[in-house]
Amino acid sequence: QVQLVESGGGSVQAGGSLRLSCVASDNRYAYSGYCMGWFRQAPGKEREGVAAISPIGSTTYYADSVKGRFTISRDNAKKTLYLQMNMLKPEDTAKYYCAASWGSCGGNWYKEFAYNYWGQGTQVTVSS
């Protein structure tokens, strides 16, 4: 069982930046075998895939709504996933979750069912 703990959320004005982190409890060798993703859920809306990164970090995936503004990265030695969020907009307000899926990301990277482990989430609030 892998435990994921997110941090870095907070309140920021539109146009600002935040960096989310997600630390995994698994050993670093196992961690380097996971596709890692970021999802978000706004009140009254379904959870949506934001970005994902392949096990060794060679391939990244982004939702159209965040392309050019968000950057996903990982440090396998530290078992940590990151999401750098720039040019934040009020519509980015949501609870952000990291998730892990054993193996490559594939075409379902943005779908909840593709992931086996989830963190508890961290709140991001963007004011206009």
N, C-alpha and C. Protein backbone atom coordinates (compact mmCIF):
# COMPACT_ATOMS: atom_id res chain seq x y z
N GLN A 1 0.84 -1.18 0.00
CA GLN A 1 0.00 0.00 0.00
C GLN A 1 0.89 1.24 0.00
N VAL A 2 0.68 2.12 -0.97
CA VAL A 2 1.46 3.34 -1.08
C VAL A 2 0.66 4.49 -0.50
N GLN A 3 1.30 5.25 0.37
CA GLN A 3 0.66 6.46 0.90
C GLN A 3 1.24 7.67 0.22
N LEU A 4 0.36 8.59 -0.16
CA LEU A 4 0.77 9.81 -0.85
C LEU A 4 0.32 11.01 -0.02
N VAL A 5 1.22 11.95 0.19
CA VAL A 5 0.90 13.13 0.99
C VAL A 5 1.23 14.38 0.21
N GLU A 6 0.19 15.18 -0.07
CA GLU A 6 0.37 16.41 -0.81
C GLU A 6 0.62 17.58 0.13
N SER A 7 1.28 18.59 -0.40
CA SER A 7 1.49 19.84 0.33
C SER A 7 1.70 20.96 -0.68
N GLY A 8 1.69 22.19 -0.18
CA GLY A 8 1.98 23.34 -1.03
C GLY A 8 0.78 24.15 -1.47
N GLY A 9 -0.42 23.67 -1.13
CA GLY A 9 -1.60 24.44 -1.50
C GLY A 9 -1.69 25.72 -0.70
N GLY A 10 -2.63 26.59 -1.09
CA GLY A 10 -2.82 27.84 -0.38
C GLY A 10 -3.70 28.78 -1.19
N SER A 11 -3.71 30.03 -0.76
CA SER A 11 -4.50 31.06 -1.43
C SER A 11 -3.56 32.02 -2.15
N VAL A 12 -3.93 32.38 -3.36
CA VAL A 12 -3.09 33.26 -4.17
C VAL A 12 -3.99 34.09 -5.07
N GLN A 13 -3.50 35.23 -5.47
CA GLN A 13 -4.25 36.07 -6.40
C GLN A 13 -4.03 35.59 -7.83
N ALA A 14 -4.98 35.92 -8.67
CA ALA A 14 -4.87 35.56 -10.08
C ALA A 14 -3.56 36.09 -10.65
N GLY A 15 -2.92 35.25 -11.46
CA GLY A 15 -1.62 35.59 -12.01
C GLY A 15 -0.45 35.11 -11.18
N GLY A 16 -0.74 34.65 -9.98
CA GLY A 16 0.31 34.19 -9.09
C GLY A 16 0.72 32.75 -9.36
N SER A 17 1.61 32.24 -8.50
CA SER A 17 2.15 30.90 -8.68
C SER A 17 2.11 30.12 -7.38
N LEU A 18 2.03 28.81 -7.51
CA LEU A 18 2.15 27.89 -6.39
C LEU A 18 2.88 26.64 -6.88
N ARG A 19 3.54 25.97 -5.96
CA ARG A 19 4.19 24.70 -6.28
C ARG A 19 3.69 23.63 -5.32
N LEU A 20 3.03 22.64 -5.87
CA LEU A 20 2.54 21.52 -5.09
C LEU A 20 3.59 20.41 -5.05
N SER A 21 3.61 19.70 -3.94
CA SER A 21 4.49 18.54 -3.80
C SER A 21 3.68 17.35 -3.33
N CYS A 22 4.16 16.17 -3.66
CA CYS A 22 3.50 14.93 -3.23
C CYS A 22 4.60 13.93 -2.92
N VAL A 23 4.68 13.51 -1.67
CA VAL A 23 5.70 12.56 -1.24
C VAL A 23 5.07 11.18 -1.07
N ALA A 24 5.76 10.17 -1.59
CA ALA A 24 5.26 8.80 -1.51
C ALA A 24 5.97 8.03 -0.40
N SER A 25 5.24 7.08 0.18
CA SER A 25 5.82 6.29 1.28
C SER A 25 6.58 5.07 0.79
N ASP A 26 6.41 4.71 -0.46
CA ASP A 26 7.05 3.50 -0.98
C ASP A 26 8.56 3.71 -1.12
N ASN A 27 9.31 2.62 -1.28
CA ASN A 27 10.75 2.78 -1.48
C ASN A 27 11.01 3.36 -2.87
N ARG A 28 12.17 3.96 -3.05
CA ARG A 28 12.41 4.72 -4.27
C ARG A 28 12.48 3.83 -5.50
N TYR A 29 12.82 2.57 -5.32
CA TYR A 29 12.90 1.68 -6.47
C TYR A 29 11.50 1.37 -6.99
N ALA A 30 10.56 1.15 -6.08
CA ALA A 30 9.19 0.92 -6.49
C ALA A 30 8.58 2.21 -7.03
N TYR A 31 8.89 3.33 -6.38
CA TYR A 31 8.33 4.61 -6.81
C TYR A 31 8.68 4.91 -8.26
N SER A 32 9.87 4.55 -8.69
CA SER A 32 10.30 4.82 -10.05
C SER A 32 9.58 3.96 -11.08
N GLY A 33 8.72 3.07 -10.63
CA GLY A 33 7.91 2.27 -11.52
C GLY A 33 6.49 2.77 -11.69
N TYR A 34 6.15 3.87 -11.04
CA TYR A 34 4.79 4.39 -11.09
C TYR A 34 4.63 5.53 -12.09
N CYS A 35 3.53 5.50 -12.82
CA CYS A 35 3.04 6.70 -13.48
C CYS A 35 2.43 7.56 -12.38
N MET A 36 2.74 8.85 -12.35
CA MET A 36 2.20 9.73 -11.32
C MET A 36 1.35 10.81 -11.97
N GLY A 37 0.25 11.14 -11.33
CA GLY A 37 -0.65 12.13 -11.90
C GLY A 37 -1.14 13.13 -10.87
N TRP A 38 -1.58 14.26 -11.37
CA TRP A 38 -2.26 15.27 -10.55
C TRP A 38 -3.69 15.40 -11.06
N PHE A 39 -4.62 15.41 -10.14
CA PHE A 39 -6.03 15.62 -10.44
C PHE A 39 -6.52 16.79 -9.60
N ARG A 40 -7.67 17.32 -9.96
CA ARG A 40 -8.28 18.36 -9.15
C ARG A 40 -9.79 18.23 -9.19
N GLN A 41 -10.40 18.72 -8.12
CA GLN A 41 -11.85 18.68 -8.04
C GLN A 41 -12.35 19.97 -7.42
N ALA A 42 -13.16 20.68 -8.19
CA ALA A 42 -13.79 21.92 -7.71
C ALA A 42 -15.15 21.57 -7.13
N PRO A 43 -15.67 22.39 -6.24
CA PRO A 43 -16.98 22.12 -5.64
C PRO A 43 -18.06 21.95 -6.71
N GLY A 44 -18.81 20.87 -6.61
CA GLY A 44 -19.90 20.62 -7.55
C GLY A 44 -19.46 20.07 -8.89
N LYS A 45 -18.17 19.80 -9.03
CA LYS A 45 -17.67 19.29 -10.31
C LYS A 45 -16.99 17.94 -10.12
N GLU A 46 -16.84 17.22 -11.22
CA GLU A 46 -16.16 15.95 -11.17
C GLU A 46 -14.65 16.15 -11.08
N ARG A 47 -13.99 15.14 -10.55
CA ARG A 47 -12.53 15.18 -10.50
C ARG A 47 -11.99 15.08 -11.92
N GLU A 48 -10.99 15.91 -12.23
CA GLU A 48 -10.44 15.90 -13.58
C GLU A 48 -8.92 15.75 -13.55
N GLY A 49 -8.40 15.09 -14.55
CA GLY A 49 -6.96 14.94 -14.68
C GLY A 49 -6.32 16.23 -15.13
N VAL A 50 -5.27 16.62 -14.46
CA VAL A 50 -4.56 17.86 -14.77
C VAL A 50 -3.27 17.59 -15.52
N ALA A 51 -2.47 16.65 -15.01
CA ALA A 51 -1.19 16.35 -15.62
C ALA A 51 -0.73 14.98 -15.14
N ALA A 52 0.16 14.38 -15.90
CA ALA A 52 0.74 13.11 -15.51
C ALA A 52 2.17 13.03 -16.04
N ILE A 53 2.95 12.13 -15.43
CA ILE A 53 4.34 11.98 -15.83
C ILE A 53 4.71 10.51 -15.77
N SER A 54 5.47 10.07 -16.75
CA SER A 54 5.85 8.67 -16.86
C SER A 54 6.81 8.28 -15.73
N PRO A 55 7.01 6.99 -15.51
CA PRO A 55 7.82 6.53 -14.37
C PRO A 55 9.22 7.15 -14.27
N ILE A 56 9.90 7.33 -15.41
CA ILE A 56 11.24 7.91 -15.31
C ILE A 56 11.24 9.38 -15.69
N GLY A 57 10.06 9.94 -15.91
CA GLY A 57 9.94 11.37 -16.16
C GLY A 57 10.20 11.80 -17.59
N SER A 58 10.26 10.85 -18.50
CA SER A 58 10.60 11.19 -19.89
C SER A 58 9.42 11.72 -20.68
N THR A 59 8.20 11.43 -20.22
CA THR A 59 7.00 11.85 -20.93
C THR A 59 6.04 12.53 -19.97
N THR A 60 5.48 13.64 -20.41
CA THR A 60 4.50 14.36 -19.60
C THR A 60 3.21 14.56 -20.39
N TYR A 61 2.13 14.70 -19.66
CA TYR A 61 0.81 14.86 -20.25
C TYR A 61 0.11 16.01 -19.52
N TYR A 62 -0.67 16.79 -20.26
CA TYR A 62 -1.36 17.92 -19.67
C TYR A 62 -2.77 18.05 -20.22
N ALA A 63 -3.65 18.49 -19.37
CA ALA A 63 -4.97 18.89 -19.84
C ALA A 63 -4.83 20.20 -20.61
N ASP A 64 -5.68 20.38 -21.60
CA ASP A 64 -5.60 21.59 -22.42
C ASP A 64 -5.73 22.86 -21.58
N SER A 65 -6.50 22.78 -20.52
CA SER A 65 -6.77 23.96 -19.70
C SER A 65 -5.54 24.46 -18.94
N VAL A 66 -4.51 23.62 -18.82
CA VAL A 66 -3.33 24.04 -18.04
C VAL A 66 -2.04 24.07 -18.86
N LYS A 67 -2.13 23.65 -20.11
CA LYS A 67 -0.92 23.63 -20.95
C LYS A 67 -0.31 25.02 -21.04
N GLY A 68 1.01 25.08 -20.90
CA GLY A 68 1.71 26.35 -20.96
C GLY A 68 1.75 27.11 -19.64
N ARG A 69 0.97 26.64 -18.66
CA ARG A 69 0.95 27.31 -17.34
C ARG A 69 1.45 26.39 -16.22
N PHE A 70 1.16 25.11 -16.32
CA PHE A 70 1.55 24.15 -15.28
C PHE A 70 2.67 23.26 -15.81
N THR A 71 3.55 22.85 -14.89
CA THR A 71 4.62 21.92 -15.24
C THR A 71 4.69 20.83 -14.19
N ILE A 72 4.60 19.59 -14.65
CA ILE A 72 4.72 18.45 -13.75
C ILE A 72 6.16 17.92 -13.83
N SER A 73 6.68 17.51 -12.69
CA SER A 73 8.03 16.93 -12.65
C SER A 73 8.10 15.97 -11.47
N ARG A 74 9.17 15.20 -11.42
CA ARG A 74 9.35 14.25 -10.34
C ARG A 74 10.82 14.08 -10.02
N ASP A 75 11.08 13.73 -8.77
CA ASP A 75 12.42 13.39 -8.31
C ASP A 75 12.32 12.00 -7.70
N ASN A 76 12.73 11.00 -8.45
CA ASN A 76 12.55 9.62 -7.98
C ASN A 76 13.43 9.31 -6.76
N ALA A 77 14.57 9.94 -6.67
CA ALA A 77 15.43 9.71 -5.51
C ALA A 77 14.76 10.19 -4.22
N LYS A 78 13.95 11.24 -4.34
CA LYS A 78 13.24 11.79 -3.18
C LYS A 78 11.81 11.27 -3.10
N LYS A 79 11.41 10.45 -4.05
CA LYS A 79 10.05 9.92 -4.10
C LYS A 79 9.02 11.05 -4.06
N THR A 80 9.30 12.10 -4.81
CA THR A 80 8.46 13.30 -4.75
C THR A 80 8.01 13.73 -6.13
N LEU A 81 6.75 14.07 -6.21
CA LEU A 81 6.12 14.58 -7.42
C LEU A 81 5.85 16.07 -7.20
N TYR A 82 5.98 16.86 -8.27
CA TYR A 82 5.75 18.29 -8.18
C TYR A 82 4.75 18.75 -9.23
N LEU A 83 4.10 19.86 -8.93
CA LEU A 83 3.29 20.54 -9.92
C LEU A 83 3.53 22.04 -9.74
N GLN A 84 4.28 22.61 -10.67
CA GLN A 84 4.51 24.05 -10.66
C GLN A 84 3.36 24.70 -11.42
N MET A 85 2.66 25.60 -10.74
CA MET A 85 1.49 26.24 -11.32
C MET A 85 1.75 27.73 -11.43
N ASN A 86 1.79 28.23 -12.65
CA ASN A 86 2.02 29.65 -12.91
C ASN A 86 0.79 30.25 -13.57
N MET A 87 0.74 31.57 -13.58
CA MET A 87 -0.38 32.30 -14.21
C MET A 87 -1.73 31.71 -13.76
N LEU A 88 -1.88 31.53 -12.47
CA LEU A 88 -3.10 30.92 -11.95
C LEU A 88 -4.32 31.78 -12.21
N LYS A 89 -5.43 31.07 -12.43
CA LYS A 89 -6.71 31.72 -12.72
C LYS A 89 -7.73 31.31 -11.66
N PRO A 90 -8.76 32.10 -11.46
CA PRO A 90 -9.80 31.71 -10.49
C PRO A 90 -10.39 30.32 -10.78
N GLU A 91 -10.46 29.96 -12.06
CA GLU A 91 -11.02 28.65 -12.41
C GLU A 91 -10.08 27.50 -12.06
N ASP A 92 -8.87 27.79 -11.62
CA ASP A 92 -7.97 26.74 -11.13
C ASP A 92 -8.26 26.37 -9.68
N THR A 93 -9.16 27.12 -9.05
CA THR A 93 -9.52 26.85 -7.65
C THR A 93 -10.13 25.45 -7.53
N ALA A 94 -9.52 24.63 -6.68
CA ALA A 94 -9.96 23.24 -6.51
C ALA A 94 -9.11 22.59 -5.45
N LYS A 95 -9.51 21.38 -5.07
CA LYS A 95 -8.66 20.55 -4.25
C LYS A 95 -7.83 19.69 -5.21
N TYR A 96 -6.53 19.69 -5.00
CA TYR A 96 -5.62 18.99 -5.89
C TYR A 96 -5.14 17.70 -5.24
N TYR A 97 -5.18 16.62 -6.01
CA TYR A 97 -4.80 15.30 -5.53
C TYR A 97 -3.68 14.74 -6.38
N CYS A 98 -2.75 14.04 -5.75
CA CYS A 98 -1.81 13.26 -6.54
C CYS A 98 -2.24 11.80 -6.50
N ALA A 99 -1.83 11.08 -7.53
CA ALA A 99 -2.23 9.69 -7.67
C ALA A 99 -1.11 8.90 -8.32
N ALA A 100 -1.08 7.60 -8.02
CA ALA A 100 -0.04 6.72 -8.54
C ALA A 100 -0.65 5.51 -9.23
N SER A 101 -0.04 5.14 -10.34
CA SER A 101 -0.48 3.99 -11.11
C SER A 101 0.74 3.19 -11.51
N TRP A 102 0.70 1.88 -11.21
CA TRP A 102 1.85 1.05 -11.54
C TRP A 102 2.01 0.94 -13.05
N GLY A 103 3.20 1.23 -13.55
CA GLY A 103 3.49 1.08 -14.97
C GLY A 103 3.42 2.40 -15.73
N SER A 104 3.36 2.28 -17.05
CA SER A 104 3.35 3.46 -17.90
C SER A 104 2.01 4.18 -17.82
N CYS A 105 2.00 5.46 -18.23
CA CYS A 105 0.78 6.26 -18.10
C CYS A 105 -0.26 5.87 -19.16
N GLY A 106 0.09 5.91 -20.39
CA GLY A 106 -0.82 5.54 -21.46
C GLY A 106 -1.91 6.55 -21.73
N GLY A 107 -2.81 6.16 -22.61
CA GLY A 107 -3.87 7.06 -23.07
C GLY A 107 -4.92 7.38 -22.03
N ASN A 108 -4.97 6.62 -20.93
CA ASN A 108 -5.96 6.88 -19.88
C ASN A 108 -5.38 7.67 -18.72
N TRP A 109 -4.32 8.40 -18.95
CA TRP A 109 -3.64 9.10 -17.86
C TRP A 109 -4.56 10.05 -17.11
N TYR A 110 -5.60 10.57 -17.77
CA TYR A 110 -6.47 11.57 -17.18
C TYR A 110 -7.73 10.96 -16.53
N LYS A 111 -7.80 9.64 -16.49
CA LYS A 111 -8.97 8.97 -15.95
C LYS A 111 -8.69 8.40 -14.57
N GLU A 112 -9.63 8.62 -13.66
CA GLU A 112 -9.45 8.18 -12.28
C GLU A 112 -9.20 6.69 -12.16
N PHE A 113 -9.91 5.90 -12.95
CA PHE A 113 -9.82 4.45 -12.80
C PHE A 113 -8.43 3.91 -13.12
N ALA A 114 -7.61 4.69 -13.80
CA ALA A 114 -6.27 4.24 -14.17
C ALA A 114 -5.29 4.26 -13.00
N TYR A 115 -5.69 4.84 -11.87
CA TYR A 115 -4.79 5.02 -10.74
C TYR A 115 -5.19 4.15 -9.55
N ASN A 116 -4.17 3.64 -8.86
CA ASN A 116 -4.40 2.72 -7.76
C ASN A 116 -4.35 3.39 -6.39
N TYR A 117 -3.56 4.45 -6.28
CA TYR A 117 -3.34 5.08 -4.97
C TYR A 117 -3.58 6.58 -5.08
N TRP A 118 -4.15 7.13 -4.01
CA TRP A 118 -4.51 8.54 -3.99
C TRP A 118 -4.08 9.20 -2.68
N GLY A 119 -3.72 10.47 -2.80
CA GLY A 119 -3.48 11.26 -1.60
C GLY A 119 -4.77 11.88 -1.10
N GLN A 120 -4.66 12.63 0.00
CA GLN A 120 -5.83 13.24 0.62
C GLN A 120 -6.16 14.61 0.02
N GLY A 121 -5.25 15.16 -0.72
CA GLY A 121 -5.52 16.42 -1.40
C GLY A 121 -5.01 17.64 -0.66
N THR A 122 -4.80 18.71 -1.42
CA THR A 122 -4.41 20.00 -0.87
C THR A 122 -5.20 21.09 -1.61
N GLN A 123 -5.71 22.04 -0.85
CA GLN A 123 -6.61 23.05 -1.42
C GLN A 123 -5.83 24.18 -2.07
N VAL A 124 -6.26 24.56 -3.27
CA VAL A 124 -5.72 25.72 -3.97
C VAL A 124 -6.87 26.68 -4.24
N THR A 125 -6.71 27.92 -3.79
CA THR A 125 -7.75 28.93 -3.99
C THR A 125 -7.13 30.13 -4.68
N VAL A 126 -7.72 30.51 -5.82
CA VAL A 126 -7.21 31.63 -6.60
C VAL A 126 -8.29 32.71 -6.64
N SER A 127 -7.94 33.87 -6.16
CA SER A 127 -8.90 34.98 -6.12
C SER A 127 -8.63 35.95 -7.26
N SER A 128 -9.69 36.58 -7.71
CA SER A 128 -9.56 37.50 -8.85
C SER A 128 -9.25 38.92 -8.38
